[in-house]
N, C-alpha and C. Protein backbone atom coordinates (compact mmCIF):
# COMPACT_ATOMS: atom_id res chain seq x y z
N UNK A 1 68.98 -54.16 93.54
CA UNK A 1 68.60 -54.09 94.95
C UNK A 1 67.77 -52.90 95.28
N UNK A 2 66.72 -52.86 96.03
CA UNK A 2 65.95 -51.96 96.19
C UNK A 2 66.50 -51.03 97.24
N UNK A 3 66.40 -49.58 97.03
CA UNK A 3 66.91 -48.64 98.06
C UNK A 3 65.98 -48.89 99.30
N UNK A 4 66.50 -48.51 100.45
CA UNK A 4 65.56 -48.71 101.60
C UNK A 4 64.60 -47.56 101.48
N UNK A 5 63.29 -47.95 101.91
CA UNK A 5 62.19 -47.27 101.77
C UNK A 5 61.94 -46.63 103.17
N UNK A 6 61.32 -45.33 103.05
CA UNK A 6 61.19 -44.35 104.01
C UNK A 6 60.15 -44.94 105.02
N UNK A 7 60.29 -44.52 106.31
CA UNK A 7 59.29 -44.72 107.37
C UNK A 7 58.77 -43.32 107.60
N UNK A 8 57.34 -43.30 107.40
CA UNK A 8 56.69 -41.96 107.48
C UNK A 8 56.01 -41.92 108.78
N UNK A 9 56.18 -40.87 109.70
CA UNK A 9 55.63 -40.61 110.94
C UNK A 9 54.67 -39.45 110.84
N UNK A 10 53.38 -39.77 111.06
CA UNK A 10 52.36 -38.61 111.18
C UNK A 10 51.97 -38.40 112.56
N UNK A 11 52.53 -37.45 113.20
CA UNK A 11 52.32 -37.31 114.70
C UNK A 11 52.60 -35.77 114.93
N UNK A 12 51.43 -35.22 115.72
CA UNK A 12 51.48 -33.71 116.01
C UNK A 12 52.23 -33.49 117.14
N UNK A 13 52.48 -34.40 117.99
CA UNK A 13 53.17 -34.18 119.37
C UNK A 13 54.61 -34.30 119.12
N UNK A 14 55.41 -33.13 119.15
CA UNK A 14 56.79 -33.25 119.11
C UNK A 14 57.64 -34.41 119.94
N UNK A 15 57.03 -34.40 121.18
CA UNK A 15 57.77 -35.39 122.14
C UNK A 15 57.50 -36.68 121.67
N UNK A 16 56.34 -37.10 121.30
CA UNK A 16 56.07 -38.58 120.91
C UNK A 16 56.75 -38.75 119.45
N UNK A 17 56.80 -37.83 118.54
CA UNK A 17 57.50 -38.01 117.26
C UNK A 17 59.01 -38.27 117.65
N UNK A 18 59.66 -37.40 118.40
CA UNK A 18 61.07 -37.62 118.81
C UNK A 18 61.28 -38.92 119.34
N UNK A 19 60.25 -39.38 120.30
CA UNK A 19 60.68 -40.73 120.92
C UNK A 19 60.49 -41.82 119.91
N UNK A 20 59.59 -41.62 119.11
CA UNK A 20 59.30 -42.72 118.07
C UNK A 20 60.70 -42.70 117.15
N UNK A 21 61.18 -41.57 116.66
CA UNK A 21 62.50 -41.59 115.87
C UNK A 21 63.51 -42.18 116.58
N UNK A 22 63.78 -41.82 117.88
CA UNK A 22 64.66 -42.37 118.62
C UNK A 22 64.68 -43.89 118.74
N UNK A 23 63.41 -44.37 118.80
CA UNK A 23 63.30 -45.77 119.11
C UNK A 23 63.51 -46.56 117.64
N UNK A 24 63.20 -45.89 116.56
CA UNK A 24 63.55 -46.53 115.36
C UNK A 24 64.99 -46.46 114.99
N UNK A 25 65.77 -45.49 115.45
CA UNK A 25 67.16 -45.37 115.44
C UNK A 25 67.88 -46.38 116.21
N UNK A 26 67.20 -46.59 117.45
CA UNK A 26 67.86 -47.51 118.44
C UNK A 26 67.63 -48.86 117.97
N UNK A 27 66.70 -49.20 117.01
CA UNK A 27 66.53 -50.62 116.41
C UNK A 27 67.46 -50.77 115.37
N UNK A 28 68.29 -49.72 115.08
CA UNK A 28 69.35 -49.75 113.98
C UNK A 28 68.79 -50.01 112.55
N UNK A 29 67.63 -49.35 112.36
CA UNK A 29 67.16 -49.27 110.94
C UNK A 29 67.80 -48.22 110.13
N UNK A 30 68.20 -48.49 108.98
CA UNK A 30 68.97 -47.49 108.23
C UNK A 30 67.71 -46.84 107.45
N UNK A 31 66.64 -47.10 107.41
CA UNK A 31 65.45 -46.46 106.49
C UNK A 31 65.53 -45.21 106.98
N UNK A 32 65.44 -44.33 105.88
CA UNK A 32 65.18 -42.75 106.21
C UNK A 32 63.72 -42.64 106.86
N UNK A 33 63.77 -41.69 107.75
CA UNK A 33 62.54 -41.38 108.49
C UNK A 33 62.15 -39.99 108.15
N UNK A 34 60.83 -39.75 107.85
CA UNK A 34 60.34 -38.57 107.63
C UNK A 34 59.05 -38.39 108.69
N UNK A 35 59.07 -37.14 109.25
CA UNK A 35 58.09 -36.81 110.36
C UNK A 35 57.27 -35.72 109.75
N UNK A 36 55.91 -35.95 109.68
CA UNK A 36 55.06 -34.77 109.38
C UNK A 36 54.05 -34.66 110.48
N UNK A 37 53.42 -33.41 110.61
CA UNK A 37 52.86 -33.04 111.90
C UNK A 37 51.26 -33.08 111.82
N UNK A 38 50.79 -33.39 110.62
CA UNK A 38 49.33 -33.47 110.55
C UNK A 38 48.91 -34.38 109.30
N UNK A 39 47.63 -34.62 109.31
CA UNK A 39 47.12 -35.39 108.10
C UNK A 39 47.39 -34.79 106.75
N UNK A 40 47.07 -33.49 106.54
CA UNK A 40 47.32 -32.75 105.47
C UNK A 40 48.88 -33.11 104.84
N UNK A 41 49.75 -32.92 105.63
CA UNK A 41 51.19 -32.82 105.24
C UNK A 41 51.41 -34.44 105.07
N UNK A 42 50.74 -35.47 105.76
CA UNK A 42 51.00 -36.82 105.38
C UNK A 42 50.44 -37.10 103.99
N UNK A 43 49.33 -36.57 103.59
CA UNK A 43 48.80 -36.84 102.22
C UNK A 43 49.70 -36.19 101.24
N UNK A 44 50.14 -34.86 101.66
CA UNK A 44 51.09 -34.19 100.50
C UNK A 44 52.26 -34.87 100.31
N UNK A 45 52.76 -35.71 101.41
CA UNK A 45 54.00 -36.41 101.26
C UNK A 45 53.80 -37.61 100.34
N UNK A 46 52.56 -38.29 100.83
CA UNK A 46 52.31 -39.57 99.96
C UNK A 46 52.03 -39.32 98.48
N UNK A 47 51.32 -38.10 98.28
CA UNK A 47 50.89 -37.93 96.92
C UNK A 47 51.83 -37.00 96.05
N UNK A 48 52.87 -36.63 96.69
CA UNK A 48 54.08 -35.82 96.28
C UNK A 48 53.35 -34.43 95.72
N UNK A 49 53.02 -33.88 96.70
CA UNK A 49 52.28 -32.43 96.42
C UNK A 49 52.89 -31.42 97.48
N UNK A 50 52.75 -30.18 97.16
CA UNK A 50 53.13 -29.09 98.05
C UNK A 50 54.56 -29.08 98.31
N UNK A 51 54.89 -29.16 99.68
CA UNK A 51 56.31 -29.10 100.05
C UNK A 51 57.09 -30.47 99.61
N UNK A 52 56.28 -31.38 99.23
CA UNK A 52 56.96 -32.61 98.82
C UNK A 52 56.76 -32.96 97.41
N UNK A 53 56.39 -31.93 96.61
CA UNK A 53 56.31 -32.31 95.16
C UNK A 53 57.52 -32.89 94.28
N UNK A 54 58.51 -32.64 94.89
CA UNK A 54 59.86 -32.83 94.14
C UNK A 54 60.55 -34.14 94.92
N UNK A 55 59.97 -34.85 95.90
CA UNK A 55 60.49 -35.88 96.52
C UNK A 55 60.61 -37.04 95.49
N UNK A 56 61.52 -37.97 95.71
CA UNK A 56 61.63 -39.21 94.97
C UNK A 56 60.38 -39.95 94.82
N UNK A 57 60.06 -40.52 93.76
CA UNK A 57 58.89 -41.50 93.71
C UNK A 57 58.94 -42.67 94.61
N UNK A 58 57.81 -43.11 94.93
CA UNK A 58 57.83 -44.43 95.78
C UNK A 58 57.11 -44.26 97.04
N UNK A 59 56.59 -45.29 97.54
CA UNK A 59 55.80 -45.21 98.71
C UNK A 59 56.73 -45.57 99.94
N UNK A 60 56.36 -45.05 101.11
CA UNK A 60 57.25 -45.57 102.46
C UNK A 60 56.95 -47.15 102.67
N UNK A 61 57.82 -47.60 103.58
CA UNK A 61 57.72 -49.06 103.81
C UNK A 61 56.41 -49.07 104.79
N UNK A 62 56.16 -48.07 105.57
CA UNK A 62 54.97 -47.95 106.52
C UNK A 62 54.66 -46.51 106.81
N UNK A 63 53.57 -46.28 107.17
CA UNK A 63 53.08 -44.98 107.73
C UNK A 63 52.63 -45.29 109.30
N UNK A 64 53.34 -44.61 110.20
CA UNK A 64 52.80 -44.72 111.58
C UNK A 64 52.01 -43.48 111.75
N UNK A 65 50.65 -43.60 112.10
CA UNK A 65 49.77 -42.59 111.93
C UNK A 65 48.99 -42.39 113.32
N UNK A 66 49.14 -41.15 113.82
CA UNK A 66 48.25 -40.82 115.00
C UNK A 66 47.00 -40.51 114.46
N UNK A 67 45.95 -40.60 115.49
CA UNK A 67 44.61 -40.35 115.08
C UNK A 67 44.30 -38.79 115.33
N UNK A 68 44.59 -38.38 116.62
CA UNK A 68 44.08 -37.07 116.99
C UNK A 68 45.16 -36.05 116.47
N UNK A 69 44.86 -35.40 115.32
CA UNK A 69 45.88 -34.45 114.84
C UNK A 69 44.98 -33.18 114.25
N UNK A 70 45.60 -32.05 114.18
CA UNK A 70 45.01 -30.95 113.64
C UNK A 70 44.84 -31.12 112.13
N UNK A 71 44.00 -30.13 111.38
CA UNK A 71 43.67 -29.99 110.23
C UNK A 71 43.03 -31.11 109.48
N UNK A 72 43.55 -32.42 109.59
CA UNK A 72 43.07 -33.56 109.15
C UNK A 72 43.37 -34.76 110.15
N UNK A 73 42.38 -35.33 110.75
CA UNK A 73 42.80 -36.42 111.66
C UNK A 73 43.27 -37.78 110.94
N UNK A 74 43.83 -38.72 111.67
CA UNK A 74 44.26 -39.92 111.11
C UNK A 74 43.38 -40.68 110.34
N UNK A 75 42.02 -40.77 110.88
CA UNK A 75 40.97 -41.59 110.41
C UNK A 75 40.65 -41.15 108.89
N UNK A 76 40.71 -39.87 108.74
CA UNK A 76 40.37 -39.28 107.44
C UNK A 76 41.61 -39.60 106.58
N UNK A 77 42.74 -39.60 107.02
CA UNK A 77 43.95 -39.82 106.22
C UNK A 77 43.87 -41.35 105.75
N UNK A 78 43.53 -42.26 106.74
CA UNK A 78 43.49 -43.57 106.37
C UNK A 78 42.32 -43.85 105.38
N UNK A 79 41.30 -43.24 105.49
CA UNK A 79 40.17 -43.42 104.48
C UNK A 79 40.62 -42.89 103.10
N UNK A 80 41.31 -41.84 103.01
CA UNK A 80 41.70 -41.33 101.66
C UNK A 80 42.88 -42.23 101.14
N UNK A 81 43.74 -42.68 102.07
CA UNK A 81 44.72 -43.65 101.42
C UNK A 81 44.18 -44.82 100.72
N UNK A 82 43.04 -45.40 101.51
CA UNK A 82 42.56 -46.62 101.04
C UNK A 82 41.69 -46.36 99.88
N UNK A 83 41.42 -44.99 99.49
CA UNK A 83 40.57 -44.75 98.29
C UNK A 83 41.36 -44.46 97.14
N UNK A 84 42.69 -44.21 97.36
CA UNK A 84 43.71 -43.76 96.28
C UNK A 84 44.22 -45.16 95.81
N UNK A 85 44.00 -45.31 94.43
CA UNK A 85 44.58 -46.57 93.77
C UNK A 85 46.17 -46.87 93.98
N UNK A 86 46.84 -45.81 94.12
CA UNK A 86 48.27 -45.94 94.20
C UNK A 86 48.74 -45.98 95.58
N UNK A 87 47.81 -45.77 96.48
CA UNK A 87 48.27 -45.88 98.00
C UNK A 87 47.54 -46.95 98.72
N UNK A 88 46.59 -47.58 98.16
CA UNK A 88 45.69 -48.56 98.99
C UNK A 88 46.38 -49.61 99.59
N UNK A 89 47.55 -50.03 99.04
CA UNK A 89 48.33 -51.16 99.57
C UNK A 89 49.46 -50.70 100.71
N UNK A 90 49.52 -49.34 100.82
CA UNK A 90 50.54 -48.89 101.80
C UNK A 90 50.19 -49.37 103.19
N UNK A 91 51.21 -50.10 103.99
CA UNK A 91 51.02 -50.43 105.30
C UNK A 91 50.84 -49.12 106.20
N UNK A 92 49.74 -49.21 106.95
CA UNK A 92 49.43 -48.17 107.90
C UNK A 92 49.26 -48.84 109.27
N UNK A 93 50.07 -48.22 110.24
CA UNK A 93 49.98 -48.67 111.64
C UNK A 93 49.55 -47.43 112.37
N UNK A 94 48.25 -47.51 112.97
CA UNK A 94 47.76 -46.47 113.90
C UNK A 94 48.52 -46.63 115.24
N UNK A 95 49.34 -45.59 115.59
CA UNK A 95 49.98 -45.51 116.86
C UNK A 95 49.44 -44.31 117.53
N UNK A 96 48.49 -44.63 118.31
CA UNK A 96 47.66 -43.43 119.09
C UNK A 96 47.56 -43.77 120.55
N UNK A 97 47.18 -42.70 121.28
CA UNK A 97 46.93 -42.92 122.73
C UNK A 97 45.37 -43.03 122.91
N UNK A 98 44.62 -43.19 121.85
CA UNK A 98 43.16 -43.24 121.87
C UNK A 98 42.83 -44.79 122.20
N UNK A 99 42.06 -45.03 123.09
CA UNK A 99 41.52 -46.42 123.49
C UNK A 99 40.14 -46.40 123.17
N UNK A 100 39.53 -45.45 122.62
CA UNK A 100 38.14 -45.39 122.40
C UNK A 100 37.74 -46.55 121.26
N UNK A 101 36.81 -47.21 121.63
CA UNK A 101 36.28 -48.38 120.83
C UNK A 101 35.87 -48.00 119.36
N UNK A 102 35.23 -46.77 119.30
CA UNK A 102 34.91 -46.35 117.96
C UNK A 102 36.17 -45.98 117.08
N UNK A 103 37.17 -45.46 117.76
CA UNK A 103 38.44 -45.24 116.82
C UNK A 103 39.03 -46.62 116.38
N UNK A 104 38.96 -47.53 117.33
CA UNK A 104 39.64 -48.89 117.08
C UNK A 104 38.80 -49.53 115.84
N UNK A 105 37.34 -49.54 116.16
CA UNK A 105 36.56 -50.10 115.16
C UNK A 105 36.59 -49.47 113.67
N UNK A 106 36.51 -48.17 113.73
CA UNK A 106 36.47 -47.50 112.47
C UNK A 106 38.12 -47.68 111.70
N UNK A 107 39.21 -47.67 112.52
CA UNK A 107 40.32 -47.93 111.98
C UNK A 107 40.41 -49.31 111.20
N UNK A 108 39.75 -50.30 111.73
CA UNK A 108 39.81 -51.63 111.23
C UNK A 108 38.78 -51.62 110.03
N UNK A 109 37.65 -50.93 110.12
CA UNK A 109 36.77 -50.91 109.05
C UNK A 109 37.41 -50.29 107.79
N UNK A 110 38.41 -49.16 108.02
CA UNK A 110 38.93 -48.48 106.95
C UNK A 110 40.09 -49.30 106.47
N UNK A 111 40.74 -50.27 107.07
CA UNK A 111 41.57 -51.07 106.40
C UNK A 111 42.98 -50.99 106.98
N UNK A 112 43.25 -50.59 108.34
CA UNK A 112 44.45 -50.26 108.88
C UNK A 112 45.11 -51.73 109.10
N UNK A 113 46.55 -51.83 109.02
CA UNK A 113 47.25 -52.95 109.14
C UNK A 113 47.46 -53.44 110.37
N UNK A 114 47.40 -52.35 111.38
CA UNK A 114 47.69 -52.65 112.79
C UNK A 114 47.29 -51.39 113.69
N UNK A 115 46.83 -51.62 114.96
CA UNK A 115 46.49 -50.64 115.73
C UNK A 115 47.19 -50.79 117.04
N UNK A 116 48.11 -49.86 117.48
CA UNK A 116 48.80 -49.97 118.79
C UNK A 116 48.55 -48.61 119.62
N UNK A 117 48.01 -48.97 120.79
CA UNK A 117 47.87 -47.92 121.78
C UNK A 117 49.16 -47.60 122.27
N UNK A 118 49.45 -46.38 122.24
CA UNK A 118 50.80 -45.84 122.78
C UNK A 118 51.00 -46.23 124.14
N UNK A 119 51.88 -46.92 124.41
CA UNK A 119 52.14 -47.14 126.00
C UNK A 119 52.58 -45.90 126.62
N UNK A 120 52.13 -45.62 127.94
CA UNK A 120 52.45 -44.38 128.61
C UNK A 120 53.84 -44.53 129.10
N UNK A 121 54.26 -45.83 129.53
CA UNK A 121 55.61 -45.88 129.91
C UNK A 121 56.52 -45.83 128.76
N UNK A 122 57.54 -44.86 128.97
CA UNK A 122 58.58 -44.63 127.99
C UNK A 122 59.39 -45.98 127.39
N UNK A 123 59.83 -46.81 128.43
CA UNK A 123 60.46 -48.10 127.88
C UNK A 123 59.66 -48.84 127.01
N UNK A 124 58.23 -49.02 127.37
CA UNK A 124 57.32 -49.96 126.59
C UNK A 124 57.08 -49.19 125.26
N UNK A 125 56.91 -47.76 125.29
CA UNK A 125 56.70 -47.20 124.01
C UNK A 125 57.91 -47.26 123.04
N UNK A 126 58.97 -47.24 123.61
CA UNK A 126 60.34 -47.40 122.84
C UNK A 126 60.31 -48.84 122.33
N UNK A 127 60.00 -49.92 123.03
CA UNK A 127 60.06 -51.20 122.70
C UNK A 127 58.97 -51.42 121.51
N UNK A 128 57.84 -50.98 121.65
CA UNK A 128 56.61 -51.14 120.66
C UNK A 128 57.15 -50.59 119.47
N UNK A 129 57.71 -49.23 119.38
CA UNK A 129 58.10 -48.69 118.19
C UNK A 129 59.23 -49.37 117.56
N UNK A 130 60.06 -49.84 118.27
CA UNK A 130 61.32 -50.42 117.70
C UNK A 130 60.81 -51.89 116.93
N UNK A 131 59.73 -52.63 117.65
CA UNK A 131 59.26 -53.72 117.02
C UNK A 131 58.46 -53.54 115.92
N UNK A 132 57.70 -52.40 115.80
CA UNK A 132 57.04 -52.04 114.60
C UNK A 132 57.85 -51.76 113.60
N UNK A 133 58.81 -50.93 113.96
CA UNK A 133 59.73 -50.47 112.70
C UNK A 133 60.39 -51.67 112.16
N UNK A 134 60.92 -52.61 112.78
CA UNK A 134 61.69 -53.92 112.41
C UNK A 134 60.81 -54.66 111.53
N UNK A 135 59.53 -54.91 112.11
CA UNK A 135 58.55 -55.68 111.34
C UNK A 135 58.20 -55.05 109.98
N UNK A 136 57.72 -53.99 110.03
CA UNK A 136 57.27 -53.18 108.68
C UNK A 136 58.42 -52.74 107.79
N UNK A 137 59.45 -52.34 108.31
CA UNK A 137 60.65 -51.85 107.39
C UNK A 137 61.49 -53.00 106.93
N UNK A 138 61.58 -54.08 107.70
CA UNK A 138 62.47 -55.25 107.39
C UNK A 138 61.95 -56.62 107.06
N UNK A 139 60.95 -57.01 107.80
CA UNK A 139 60.44 -58.30 107.74
C UNK A 139 59.39 -58.44 106.84
N UNK A 140 58.42 -57.57 106.94
CA UNK A 140 57.25 -57.61 106.02
C UNK A 140 57.50 -57.41 104.66
N UNK A 141 56.76 -58.19 103.79
CA UNK A 141 56.99 -58.06 102.30
C UNK A 141 55.74 -57.53 101.62
N UNK A 142 55.80 -56.41 101.23
CA UNK A 142 54.60 -55.93 100.50
C UNK A 142 54.85 -56.02 99.09
N UNK A 143 53.46 -56.25 98.29
CA UNK A 143 53.61 -56.39 96.94
C UNK A 143 54.07 -55.06 96.27
N UNK A 144 54.96 -55.26 95.20
CA UNK A 144 55.43 -54.04 94.37
C UNK A 144 54.23 -53.47 93.70
N UNK A 145 54.17 -52.14 93.68
CA UNK A 145 53.09 -51.49 92.95
C UNK A 145 53.74 -51.24 91.47
N UNK A 146 53.01 -51.33 90.55
CA UNK A 146 53.39 -51.09 89.07
C UNK A 146 53.19 -49.79 88.56
C-alpha cells in the first residue's frame, strides 16, 4: 500500500495558506501538508535541495500554486516543473486571486491541470479547497513515476 502523498501549498499570504490548510483538514484528508512561501522554496521541496535535501523521496499528490509570489512567481515555477523530466507529470493547480486573462492563458499553455480563482468569500474559498484536495489527493489517479 502506498503511503499518503503530501499536498504542497506554495502561497506567500499566511492568511490564505492557513485557510487552505484548515479547509484541507476540514475535508478530513490524512495527507501530510507542506506549506512553502515562494516559488524558490517550492522548487527546493520538489527537487529535494536546500532545506528539503533530506526529505523522503517522492512527489506530492498535488501542488496548489499561487501566481503572485516573491523571488519566483508561480508561472515560472510551473514552467520549470514542466521542463523537469521527474516533475512534468506532477498535478499542479493554480489557486490565485488573479483574474488576468494573460495569467490564465499562460498557465494553460504551460500545462496547468486546473486554474481556480480564489473566491473572496471565506465559505466559498473553504469549499473550493476542500473539493480540490479531495479530488487531487484521493480521487485522481496519476501515473507512477519510474
